[in-house]
Amino acid sequence: MRVSGETRLAVLGKPIAHSKSPQLHAAAYGVLGLPWVYERHEIDETTLAAFVKSRDTAWRGLSLTMPLKQTIQPHLDRIDRIGELTGAVNTVLLQWGGDTVHRTGFNTDVPGIVRALRAAGVTSARHAHVLGGGATAASAIVAASELGAESVRVSVRAPERAQALVPLAASVGLTIEIAEFAAPRDDDATELVVSTLPGGAEAPLAFSAGFRARVPLLDVAYEPWPTTLGRAWADAGGVVLGGLAMLVHQALLQVRIFVTGDPFAPLPNEESVLSAMLAAVGLAADGTPAPR
């Protein structure tokens, strides 16, 4: 039963103390005039089920980060098309009928990646290189297809553990190569690199300065920032986006879901909402750090 008059939301994951989601959502609901409470909770696979099942009617939704994006599915009543395609859900909408709840899962990472890249001027990429093979890598592959990619190379530590990405790539019309981290090929074909490695993890490869200057990088990590890879890209004068840009754009779609129930329904005064969210984490409209 509902125990308060508040509308409550939260981001779940482990670790979670570094999450910027509370600042982003607070900024959005401030512009929208909604006195909603958005929290963070440290939850892992062993405590997820109990947390989800114990929510009362005050709760409107949940944001999910690692390691929960692939373990939330058994607790959902429905999953959107992108969530089913990638096997990764980062958003749960709770819809109540009396004391009965219907839980719908969404993946806003895919459109978040696409929107962040487009805001930075990256509107197409025929050949992409993805670093890492987890849940966010699956989203990056689908995002690459939405940018018009024909092929994707995935670099991982253990190729045998990333084989689920092969049918995923095929389902969105991409040819895929999965290879162990090694000396990269600085080829003329690659037009986008997306690193999905955890924050603080070192990329066990190096790209030439000429390649870094030519090919845009989206590094989904944002804490700590810059990563070694992000710093190397910036030093070469290349286009580099940190994970905060993706986080803002996927969070905007989460706000759409929590407010309207539909990730495709624009918010009232959405331009101002997005501007407030970008400002809350110190970003300019193109996703790069705002001048101080």
C-alpha atoms as a PDB file:
ATOM      1  CA  MET A   1       0.000   0.000   0.000  1.00  0.00           C
ATOM      2  CA  ARG A   2       1.029   3.614  -0.491  1.00  0.00           C
ATOM      3  CA  VAL A   3       2.727   4.941   2.605  1.00  0.00           C
ATOM      4  CA  SER A   4       3.292   8.564   1.609  1.00  0.00           C
ATOM      5  CA  GLY A   5       2.057  11.255  -0.735  1.00  0.00           C
ATOM      6  CA  GLU A   6       5.390  11.359  -2.557  1.00  0.00           C
ATOM      7  CA  THR A   7       6.104   9.977  -6.014  1.00  0.00           C
ATOM      8  CA  ARG A   8       9.346   8.049  -5.701  1.00  0.00           C
ATOM      9  CA  LEU A   9      11.951   6.814  -8.146  1.00  0.00           C
ATOM     10  CA  ALA A  10      15.505   5.510  -7.799  1.00  0.00           C
ATOM     11  CA  VAL A  11      18.592   4.307  -9.602  1.00  0.00           C
ATOM     12  CA  LEU A  12      19.820   0.849  -8.585  1.00  0.00           C
ATOM     13  CA  GLY A  13      23.230  -0.742  -9.022  1.00  0.00           C
ATOM     14  CA  LYS A  14      26.499  -1.646  -7.346  1.00  0.00           C
ATOM     15  CA  PRO A  15      28.556   0.439  -6.959  1.00  0.00           C
ATOM     16  CA  ILE A  16      26.133   3.349  -7.087  1.00  0.00           C
ATOM     17  CA  ALA A  17      27.586   6.214  -5.020  1.00  0.00           C
ATOM     18  CA  HIS A  18      29.136   7.784  -8.145  1.00  0.00           C
ATOM     19  CA  SER A  19      25.852   7.924 -10.084  1.00  0.00           C
ATOM     20  CA  LYS A  20      24.856  11.301 -11.517  1.00  0.00           C
ATOM     21  CA  SER A  21      21.300  10.143 -12.203  1.00  0.00           C
ATOM     22  CA  PRO A  22      19.823  11.847  -9.107  1.00  0.00           C
ATOM     23  CA  GLN A  23      21.166  15.248 -10.260  1.00  0.00           C
ATOM     24  CA  LEU A  24      19.830  14.720 -13.777  1.00  0.00           C
ATOM     25  CA  HIS A  25      16.359  13.648 -12.717  1.00  0.00           C
ATOM     26  CA  ALA A  26      16.102  16.367 -10.070  1.00  0.00           C
ATOM     27  CA  ALA A  27      16.930  18.979 -12.716  1.00  0.00           C
ATOM     28  CA  ALA A  28      14.283  17.593 -15.066  1.00  0.00           C
ATOM     29  CA  TYR A  29      11.502  17.396 -12.490  1.00  0.00           C
ATOM     30  CA  GLY A  30      12.384  20.894 -11.300  1.00  0.00           C
ATOM     31  CA  VAL A  31      11.721  22.318 -14.773  1.00  0.00           C
ATOM     32  CA  LEU A  32       8.542  20.246 -15.058  1.00  0.00           C
ATOM     33  CA  GLY A  33       7.303  21.429 -11.657  1.00  0.00           C
ATOM     34  CA  LEU A  34       7.020  17.892 -10.298  1.00  0.00           C
ATOM     35  CA  PRO A  35       7.952  17.419  -6.607  1.00  0.00           C
ATOM     36  CA  TRP A  36       9.192  13.888  -7.250  1.00  0.00           C
ATOM     37  CA  VAL A  37      11.878  12.197  -5.138  1.00  0.00           C
ATOM     38  CA  TYR A  38      14.661  10.347  -6.984  1.00  0.00           C
ATOM     39  CA  GLU A  39      17.090   8.294  -4.863  1.00  0.00           C
ATOM     40  CA  ARG A  40      20.008   5.937  -5.305  1.00  0.00           C
ATOM     41  CA  HIS A  41      20.139   2.446  -3.760  1.00  0.00           C
ATOM     42  CA  GLU A  42      23.060   0.014  -3.751  1.00  0.00           C
ATOM     43  CA  ILE A  43      21.490  -3.204  -5.034  1.00  0.00           C
ATOM     44  CA  ASP A  44      23.099  -6.275  -6.611  1.00  0.00           C
ATOM     45  CA  GLU A  45      21.763  -9.496  -8.131  1.00  0.00           C
ATOM     46  CA  THR A  46      21.152 -11.045  -4.708  1.00  0.00           C
ATOM     47  CA  THR A  47      19.002  -8.194  -3.382  1.00  0.00           C
ATOM     48  CA  LEU A  48      17.251  -7.083  -6.592  1.00  0.00           C
ATOM     49  CA  ALA A  49      14.163  -9.304  -6.371  1.00  0.00           C
ATOM     50  CA  ALA A  50      13.351  -8.347  -2.789  1.00  0.00           C
ATOM     51  CA  PHE A  51      13.775  -4.650  -3.528  1.00  0.00           C
ATOM     52  CA  VAL A  52      11.572  -4.694  -6.621  1.00  0.00           C
ATOM     53  CA  LYS A  53       8.820  -6.731  -4.974  1.00  0.00           C
ATOM     54  CA  SER A  54       8.744  -4.534  -1.864  1.00  0.00           C
ATOM     55  CA  ARG A  55       7.935  -1.261  -3.677  1.00  0.00           C
ATOM     56  CA  ASP A  56       4.589   0.313  -2.740  1.00  0.00           C
ATOM     57  CA  THR A  57       2.230   2.533  -4.744  1.00  0.00           C
ATOM     58  CA  ALA A  58       4.368   5.612  -4.078  1.00  0.00           C
ATOM     59  CA  TRP A  59       6.869   4.232  -6.593  1.00  0.00           C
ATOM     60  CA  ARG A  60       6.712   5.245 -10.256  1.00  0.00           C
ATOM     61  CA  GLY A  61       9.918   3.815 -11.684  1.00  0.00           C
ATOM     62  CA  LEU A  62      13.475   2.537 -11.465  1.00  0.00           C
ATOM     63  CA  SER A  63      16.693   3.195 -13.352  1.00  0.00           C
ATOM     64  CA  LEU A  64      19.152   0.297 -13.554  1.00  0.00           C
ATOM     65  CA  THR A  65      22.890   0.259 -13.995  1.00  0.00           C
ATOM     66  CA  MET A  66      25.422  -2.547 -13.745  1.00  0.00           C
ATOM     67  CA  PRO A  67      25.168  -5.342 -12.761  1.00  0.00           C
ATOM     68  CA  LEU A  68      21.378  -5.369 -13.071  1.00  0.00           C
ATOM     69  CA  LYS A  69      20.575  -4.651 -16.727  1.00  0.00           C
ATOM     70  CA  GLN A  70      20.522  -8.341 -17.648  1.00  0.00           C
ATOM     71  CA  THR A  71      19.102  -9.710 -14.389  1.00  0.00           C
ATOM     72  CA  ILE A  72      15.928  -7.625 -14.067  1.00  0.00           C
ATOM     73  CA  GLN A  73      13.966  -9.436 -16.817  1.00  0.00           C
ATOM     74  CA  PRO A  74      12.411 -12.218 -14.668  1.00  0.00           C
ATOM     75  CA  HIS A  75      10.796  -9.524 -12.498  1.00  0.00           C
ATOM     76  CA  LEU A  76       9.057  -7.740 -15.407  1.00  0.00           C
ATOM     77  CA  ASP A  77       5.663  -8.213 -17.025  1.00  0.00           C
ATOM     78  CA  ARG A  78       6.692  -6.752 -20.381  1.00  0.00           C
ATOM     79  CA  ILE A  79       9.883  -5.584 -22.117  1.00  0.00           C
ATOM     80  CA  ASP A  80      10.075  -3.113 -24.989  1.00  0.00           C
ATOM     81  CA  ARG A  81      11.451  -4.100 -28.396  1.00  0.00           C
ATOM     82  CA  ILE A  82      14.964  -2.728 -27.825  1.00  0.00           C
ATOM     83  CA  GLY A  83      15.176  -4.384 -24.419  1.00  0.00           C
ATOM     84  CA  GLU A  84      14.214  -7.734 -25.933  1.00  0.00           C
ATOM     85  CA  LEU A  85      16.637  -7.264 -28.805  1.00  0.00           C
ATOM     86  CA  THR A  86      19.646  -6.385 -26.639  1.00  0.00           C
ATOM     87  CA  GLY A  87      18.771  -8.480 -23.583  1.00  0.00           C
ATOM     88  CA  ALA A  88      19.421  -5.343 -21.509  1.00  0.00           C
ATOM     89  CA  VAL A  89      16.912  -3.213 -19.587  1.00  0.00           C
ATOM     90  CA  ASN A  90      17.886   0.007 -17.819  1.00  0.00           C
ATOM     91  CA  THR A  91      14.444   1.463 -17.037  1.00  0.00           C
ATOM     92  CA  VAL A  92      11.381   0.045 -15.284  1.00  0.00           C
ATOM     93  CA  LEU A  93       7.992   1.783 -15.282  1.00  0.00           C
ATOM     94  CA  LEU A  94       5.674   0.839 -12.417  1.00  0.00           C
ATOM     95  CA  GLN A  95       1.974   1.235 -13.246  1.00  0.00           C
ATOM     96  CA  TRP A  96      -0.514   0.606 -10.451  1.00  0.00           C
ATOM     97  CA  GLY A  97      -4.099  -0.622 -10.488  1.00  0.00           C
ATOM     98  CA  GLY A  98      -5.101  -0.518  -6.857  1.00  0.00           C
ATOM     99  CA  ASP A  99      -2.426  -2.516  -5.057  1.00  0.00           C
ATOM    100  CA  THR A 100      -1.483  -4.466  -8.197  1.00  0.00           C
ATOM    101  CA  VAL A 101       1.550  -3.351 -10.160  1.00  0.00           C
ATOM    102  CA  HIS A 102       2.485  -3.870 -13.821  1.00  0.00           C
ATOM    103  CA  ARG A 103       6.233  -3.611 -14.466  1.00  0.00           C
ATOM    104  CA  THR A 104       7.440  -2.653 -17.954  1.00  0.00           C
ATOM    105  CA  GLY A 105      11.126  -2.681 -18.881  1.00  0.00           C
ATOM    106  CA  PHE A 106      12.753  -0.372 -21.424  1.00  0.00           C
ATOM    107  CA  ASN A 107      16.200   0.094 -22.908  1.00  0.00           C
ATOM    108  CA  THR A 108      16.968   3.807 -23.268  1.00  0.00           C
ATOM    109  CA  ASP A 109      20.717   3.215 -23.700  1.00  0.00           C
ATOM    110  CA  VAL A 110      20.409   2.611 -27.447  1.00  0.00           C
ATOM    111  CA  PRO A 111      18.607   5.870 -28.290  1.00  0.00           C
ATOM    112  CA  GLY A 112      20.725   7.610 -25.635  1.00  0.00           C
ATOM    113  CA  ILE A 113      23.893   6.657 -27.518  1.00  0.00           C
ATOM    114  CA  VAL A 114      22.405   7.736 -30.856  1.00  0.00           C
ATOM    115  CA  ARG A 115      21.133  11.062 -29.506  1.00  0.00           C
ATOM    116  CA  ALA A 116      24.449  11.860 -27.770  1.00  0.00           C
ATOM    117  CA  LEU A 117      26.458  11.169 -30.932  1.00  0.00           C
ATOM    118  CA  ARG A 118      24.105  13.180 -33.121  1.00  0.00           C
ATOM    119  CA  ALA A 119      24.292  16.127 -30.732  1.00  0.00           C
ATOM    120  CA  ALA A 120      28.075  16.014 -31.209  1.00  0.00           C
ATOM    121  CA  GLY A 121      27.707  15.990 -34.992  1.00  0.00           C
ATOM    122  CA  VAL A 122      28.206  12.235 -35.515  1.00  0.00           C
ATOM    123  CA  THR A 123      25.192  11.366 -37.641  1.00  0.00           C
ATOM    124  CA  SER A 124      26.413   8.255 -39.451  1.00  0.00           C
ATOM    125  CA  ALA A 125      29.060   5.546 -39.258  1.00  0.00           C
ATOM    126  CA  ARG A 126      29.353   2.676 -41.715  1.00  0.00           C
ATOM    127  CA  HIS A 127      31.894   0.704 -39.707  1.00  0.00           C
ATOM    128  CA  ALA A 128      32.125   0.777 -35.896  1.00  0.00           C
ATOM    129  CA  HIS A 129      34.536  -0.642 -33.334  1.00  0.00           C
ATOM    130  CA  VAL A 130      33.129  -1.523 -29.907  1.00  0.00           C
ATOM    131  CA  LEU A 131      35.393  -2.182 -26.921  1.00  0.00           C
ATOM    132  CA  GLY A 132      33.909  -4.612 -24.394  1.00  0.00           C
ATOM    133  CA  GLY A 133      31.232  -7.262 -24.716  1.00  0.00           C
ATOM    134  CA  GLY A 134      28.655  -6.723 -21.957  1.00  0.00           C
ATOM    135  CA  ALA A 135      25.155  -5.266 -21.792  1.00  0.00           C
ATOM    136  CA  THR A 136      26.206  -1.794 -22.934  1.00  0.00           C
ATOM    137  CA  ALA A 137      28.142  -3.286 -25.850  1.00  0.00           C
ATOM    138  CA  ALA A 138      24.905  -4.883 -27.042  1.00  0.00           C
ATOM    139  CA  SER A 139      23.254  -1.455 -26.923  1.00  0.00           C
ATOM    140  CA  ALA A 140      26.219   0.082 -28.767  1.00  0.00           C
ATOM    141  CA  ILE A 141      25.861  -2.465 -31.583  1.00  0.00           C
ATOM    142  CA  VAL A 142      22.173  -1.681 -32.046  1.00  0.00           C
ATOM    143  CA  ALA A 143      22.939   2.045 -31.856  1.00  0.00           C
ATOM    144  CA  ALA A 144      25.577   1.612 -34.582  1.00  0.00           C
ATOM    145  CA  SER A 145      22.955  -0.007 -36.801  1.00  0.00           C
ATOM    146  CA  GLU A 146      20.664   2.990 -36.248  1.00  0.00           C
ATOM    147  CA  LEU A 147      23.515   5.222 -37.431  1.00  0.00           C
ATOM    148  CA  GLY A 148      23.665   3.245 -40.665  1.00  0.00           C
ATOM    149  CA  ALA A 149      26.522   0.885 -39.834  1.00  0.00           C
ATOM    150  CA  GLU A 150      27.179  -2.108 -42.073  1.00  0.00           C
ATOM    151  CA  SER A 151      29.709  -3.861 -39.837  1.00  0.00           C
ATOM    152  CA  VAL A 152      31.050  -3.836 -36.313  1.00  0.00           C
ATOM    153  CA  ARG A 153      34.230  -5.105 -34.748  1.00  0.00           C
ATOM    154  CA  VAL A 154      34.059  -6.047 -31.056  1.00  0.00           C
ATOM    155  CA  SER A 155      37.266  -6.250 -29.016  1.00  0.00           C
ATOM    156  CA  VAL A 156      37.022  -8.263 -25.782  1.00  0.00           C
ATOM    157  CA  ARG A 157      39.230 -10.134 -23.355  1.00  0.00           C
ATOM    158  CA  ALA A 158      37.394 -13.442 -23.802  1.00  0.00           C
ATOM    159  CA  PRO A 159      35.761 -13.799 -27.262  1.00  0.00           C
ATOM    160  CA  GLU A 160      33.976 -16.994 -26.262  1.00  0.00           C
ATOM    161  CA  ARG A 161      31.951 -15.040 -23.689  1.00  0.00           C
ATOM    162  CA  ALA A 162      30.711 -12.522 -26.264  1.00  0.00           C
ATOM    163  CA  GLN A 163      29.215 -14.937 -28.788  1.00  0.00           C
ATOM    164  CA  ALA A 164      25.644 -13.817 -27.955  1.00  0.00           C
ATOM    165  CA  LEU A 165      26.497 -10.613 -29.811  1.00  0.00           C
ATOM    166  CA  VAL A 166      26.719 -12.528 -33.120  1.00  0.00           C
ATOM    167  CA  PRO A 167      22.967 -13.198 -33.549  1.00  0.00           C
ATOM    168  CA  LEU A 168      22.222  -9.734 -32.169  1.00  0.00           C
ATOM    169  CA  ALA A 169      24.336  -8.110 -34.883  1.00  0.00           C
ATOM    170  CA  ALA A 170      22.750 -10.322 -37.532  1.00  0.00           C
ATOM    171  CA  SER A 171      19.269  -9.351 -36.341  1.00  0.00           C
ATOM    172  CA  VAL A 172      19.985  -5.677 -37.068  1.00  0.00           C
ATOM    173  CA  GLY A 173      21.715  -6.345 -40.376  1.00  0.00           C
ATOM    174  CA  LEU A 174      25.354  -6.025 -39.295  1.00  0.00           C
ATOM    175  CA  THR A 175      28.310  -8.250 -40.037  1.00  0.00           C
ATOM    176  CA  ILE A 176      30.373  -8.715 -36.886  1.00  0.00           C
ATOM    177  CA  GLU A 177      33.918  -9.671 -35.974  1.00  0.00           C
ATOM    178  CA  ILE A 178      34.692 -10.582 -32.372  1.00  0.00           C
ATOM    179  CA  ALA A 179      38.378 -10.531 -31.522  1.00  0.00           C
ATOM    180  CA  GLU A 180      40.577 -10.641 -28.450  1.00  0.00           C
ATOM    181  CA  PHE A 181      42.188  -7.350 -27.450  1.00  0.00           C
ATOM    182  CA  ALA A 182      45.367  -6.987 -29.455  1.00  0.00           C
ATOM    183  CA  ALA A 183      47.202  -4.396 -31.482  1.00  0.00           C
ATOM    184  CA  PRO A 184      44.358  -2.588 -33.262  1.00  0.00           C
ATOM    185  CA  ARG A 185      44.137  -2.183 -36.997  1.00  0.00           C
ATOM    186  CA  ASP A 186      44.290   1.515 -37.841  1.00  0.00           C
ATOM    187  CA  ASP A 187      42.228   1.090 -40.983  1.00  0.00           C
ATOM    188  CA  ASP A 188      40.487   3.609 -43.177  1.00  0.00           C
ATOM    189  CA  ALA A 189      37.087   1.935 -42.781  1.00  0.00           C
ATOM    190  CA  THR A 190      36.374   2.498 -39.076  1.00  0.00           C
ATOM    191  CA  GLU A 191      34.285   5.628 -38.535  1.00  0.00           C
ATOM    192  CA  LEU A 192      33.341   5.314 -34.858  1.00  0.00           C
ATOM    193  CA  VAL A 193      34.780   3.788 -31.690  1.00  0.00           C
ATOM    194  CA  VAL A 194      32.578   3.113 -28.666  1.00  0.00           C
ATOM    195  CA  SER A 195      34.244   1.991 -25.440  1.00  0.00           C
ATOM    196  CA  THR A 196      31.924   0.207 -23.023  1.00  0.00           C
ATOM    197  CA  LEU A 197      34.701  -0.693 -20.597  1.00  0.00           C
ATOM    198  CA  PRO A 198      33.984   0.059 -16.913  1.00  0.00           C
ATOM    199  CA  GLY A 199      35.203   3.345 -15.467  1.00  0.00           C
ATOM    200  CA  GLY A 200      38.805   3.063 -14.375  1.00  0.00           C
ATOM    201  CA  ALA A 201      39.494   0.015 -16.576  1.00  0.00           C
ATOM    202  CA  GLU A 202      42.447   0.364 -18.882  1.00  0.00           C
ATOM    203  CA  ALA A 203      41.873  -0.380 -22.559  1.00  0.00           C
ATOM    204  CA  PRO A 204      44.495  -3.048 -23.375  1.00  0.00           C
ATOM    205  CA  LEU A 205      45.236  -1.565 -26.781  1.00  0.00           C
ATOM    206  CA  ALA A 206      46.419   1.675 -28.288  1.00  0.00           C
ATOM    207  CA  PHE A 207      45.333   3.549 -31.410  1.00  0.00           C
ATOM    208  CA  SER A 208      47.627   5.726 -33.493  1.00  0.00           C
ATOM    209  CA  ALA A 209      47.420   9.501 -33.156  1.00  0.00           C
ATOM    210  CA  GLY A 210      46.215   9.805 -36.753  1.00  0.00           C
ATOM    211  CA  PHE A 211      43.393   7.336 -36.138  1.00  0.00           C
ATOM    212  CA  ARG A 212      42.360   9.133 -32.928  1.00  0.00           C
ATOM    213  CA  ALA A 213      42.320  12.480 -34.710  1.00  0.00           C
ATOM    214  CA  ARG A 214      40.051  11.139 -37.454  1.00  0.00           C
ATOM    215  CA  VAL A 215      37.626   8.747 -35.725  1.00  0.00           C
ATOM    216  CA  PRO A 216      35.146   9.937 -33.047  1.00  0.00           C
ATOM    217  CA  LEU A 217      35.152   8.166 -29.677  1.00  0.00           C
ATOM    218  CA  LEU A 218      32.255   7.676 -27.285  1.00  0.00           C
ATOM    219  CA  ASP A 219      33.574   6.358 -23.971  1.00  0.00           C
ATOM    220  CA  VAL A 220      30.566   5.407 -21.842  1.00  0.00           C
ATOM    221  CA  ALA A 221      32.571   5.686 -18.611  1.00  0.00           C
ATOM    222  CA  TYR A 222      32.336   8.961 -16.705  1.00  0.00           C
ATOM    223  CA  GLU A 223      33.810   8.238 -13.286  1.00  0.00           C
ATOM    224  CA  PRO A 224      36.722   8.747 -13.177  1.00  0.00           C
ATOM    225  CA  TRP A 225      36.975  11.127 -16.124  1.00  0.00           C
ATOM    226  CA  PRO A 226      38.832  11.515 -18.307  1.00  0.00           C
ATOM    227  CA  THR A 227      39.707   7.877 -18.814  1.00  0.00           C
ATOM    228  CA  THR A 228      43.112   7.025 -20.218  1.00  0.00           C
ATOM    229  CA  LEU A 229      41.467   6.379 -23.576  1.00  0.00           C
ATOM    230  CA  GLY A 230      39.497   9.629 -23.475  1.00  0.00           C
ATOM    231  CA  ARG A 231      42.616  11.635 -22.597  1.00  0.00           C
ATOM    232  CA  ALA A 232      44.565  10.017 -25.440  1.00  0.00           C
ATOM    233  CA  TRP A 233      41.799  10.911 -27.900  1.00  0.00           C
ATOM    234  CA  ALA A 234      41.678  14.505 -26.712  1.00  0.00           C
ATOM    235  CA  ASP A 235      45.464  14.787 -26.898  1.00  0.00           C
ATOM    236  CA  ALA A 236      45.280  13.793 -30.564  1.00  0.00           C
ATOM    237  CA  GLY A 237      42.660  16.457 -31.249  1.00  0.00           C
ATOM    238  CA  GLY A 238      39.913  13.956 -31.944  1.00  0.00           C
ATOM    239  CA  VAL A 239      36.196  14.138 -31.167  1.00  0.00           C
ATOM    240  CA  VAL A 240      35.637  12.512 -27.785  1.00  0.00           C
ATOM    241  CA  LEU A 241      32.452  12.177 -25.759  1.00  0.00           C
ATOM    242  CA  GLY A 242      32.359  10.919 -22.191  1.00  0.00           C
ATOM    243  CA  GLY A 243      29.637   8.784 -20.693  1.00  0.00           C
ATOM    244  CA  LEU A 244      27.879  11.788 -19.185  1.00  0.00           C
ATOM    245  CA  ALA A 245      26.613  12.784 -22.638  1.00  0.00           C
ATOM    246  CA  MET A 246      25.043   9.374 -23.140  1.00  0.00           C
ATOM    247  CA  LEU A 247      23.765   9.403 -19.553  1.00  0.00           C
ATOM    248  CA  VAL A 248      21.947  12.711 -20.061  1.00  0.00           C
ATOM    249  CA  HIS A 249      20.219  11.632 -23.259  1.00  0.00           C
ATOM    250  CA  GLN A 250      19.164   8.219 -21.986  1.00  0.00           C
ATOM    251  CA  ALA A 251      17.942   9.886 -18.773  1.00  0.00           C
ATOM    252  CA  LEU A 252      15.807  12.318 -20.762  1.00  0.00           C
ATOM    253  CA  LEU A 253      14.054   9.313 -22.306  1.00  0.00           C
ATOM    254  CA  GLN A 254      13.644   7.800 -18.836  1.00  0.00           C
ATOM    255  CA  VAL A 255      11.956  11.019 -17.727  1.00  0.00           C
ATOM    256  CA  ARG A 256       9.622  10.739 -20.722  1.00  0.00           C
ATOM    257  CA  ILE A 257       8.749   7.193 -19.626  1.00  0.00           C
ATOM    258  CA  PHE A 258       8.184   8.111 -15.981  1.00  0.00           C
ATOM    259  CA  VAL A 259       6.112  11.221 -16.819  1.00  0.00           C
ATOM    260  CA  THR A 260       4.156  10.125 -19.907  1.00  0.00           C
ATOM    261  CA  GLY A 261       4.556   6.338 -19.961  1.00  0.00           C
ATOM    262  CA  ASP A 262       5.987   6.579 -23.491  1.00  0.00           C
ATOM    263  CA  PRO A 263       9.668   6.996 -24.501  1.00  0.00           C
ATOM    264  CA  PHE A 264       8.551   8.568 -27.796  1.00  0.00           C
ATOM    265  CA  ALA A 265       6.295  11.245 -26.298  1.00  0.00           C
ATOM    266  CA  PRO A 266       8.148  14.577 -25.923  1.00  0.00           C
ATOM    267  CA  LEU A 267       7.933  16.297 -22.560  1.00  0.00           C
ATOM    268  CA  PRO A 268       6.335  19.704 -22.041  1.00  0.00           C
ATOM    269  CA  ASN A 269       9.055  22.317 -22.618  1.00  0.00           C
ATOM    270  CA  GLU A 270      11.503  19.511 -23.430  1.00  0.00           C
ATOM    271  CA  GLU A 271      14.226  21.823 -24.735  1.00  0.00           C
ATOM    272  CA  SER A 272      14.428  23.516 -21.341  1.00  0.00           C
ATOM    273  CA  VAL A 273      14.368  20.148 -19.589  1.00  0.00           C
ATOM    274  CA  LEU A 274      17.334  18.912 -21.625  1.00  0.00           C
ATOM    275  CA  SER A 275      19.238  22.165 -21.080  1.00  0.00           C
ATOM    276  CA  ALA A 276      18.740  21.888 -17.317  1.00  0.00           C
ATOM    277  CA  MET A 277      19.927  18.276 -17.307  1.00  0.00           C
ATOM    278  CA  LEU A 278      23.047  19.120 -19.311  1.00  0.00           C
ATOM    279  CA  ALA A 279      23.806  22.062 -17.010  1.00  0.00           C
ATOM    280  CA  ALA A 280      23.363  19.841 -13.930  1.00  0.00           C
ATOM    281  CA  VAL A 281      26.426  17.822 -14.970  1.00  0.00           C
ATOM    282  CA  GLY A 282      28.393  20.657 -16.577  1.00  0.00           C
ATOM    283  CA  LEU A 283      27.880  19.826 -20.255  1.00  0.00           C
ATOM    284  CA  ALA A 284      27.271  22.009 -23.293  1.00  0.00           C
ATOM    285  CA  ALA A 285      24.615  21.164 -25.880  1.00  0.00           C
ATOM    286  CA  ASP A 286      27.068  19.030 -27.881  1.00  0.00           C
ATOM    287  CA  GLY A 287      27.912  16.902 -24.839  1.00  0.00           C
ATOM    288  CA  THR A 288      31.357  18.337 -24.245  1.00  0.00           C
ATOM    289  CA  PRO A 289      32.297  20.089 -20.977  1.00  0.00           C
ATOM    290  CA  ALA A 290      30.672  23.525 -20.742  1.00  0.00           C
ATOM    291  CA  PRO A 291      33.035  26.523 -20.509  1.00  0.00           C
ATOM    292  CA  ARG A 292      33.557  27.719 -16.943  1.00  0.00           C
END
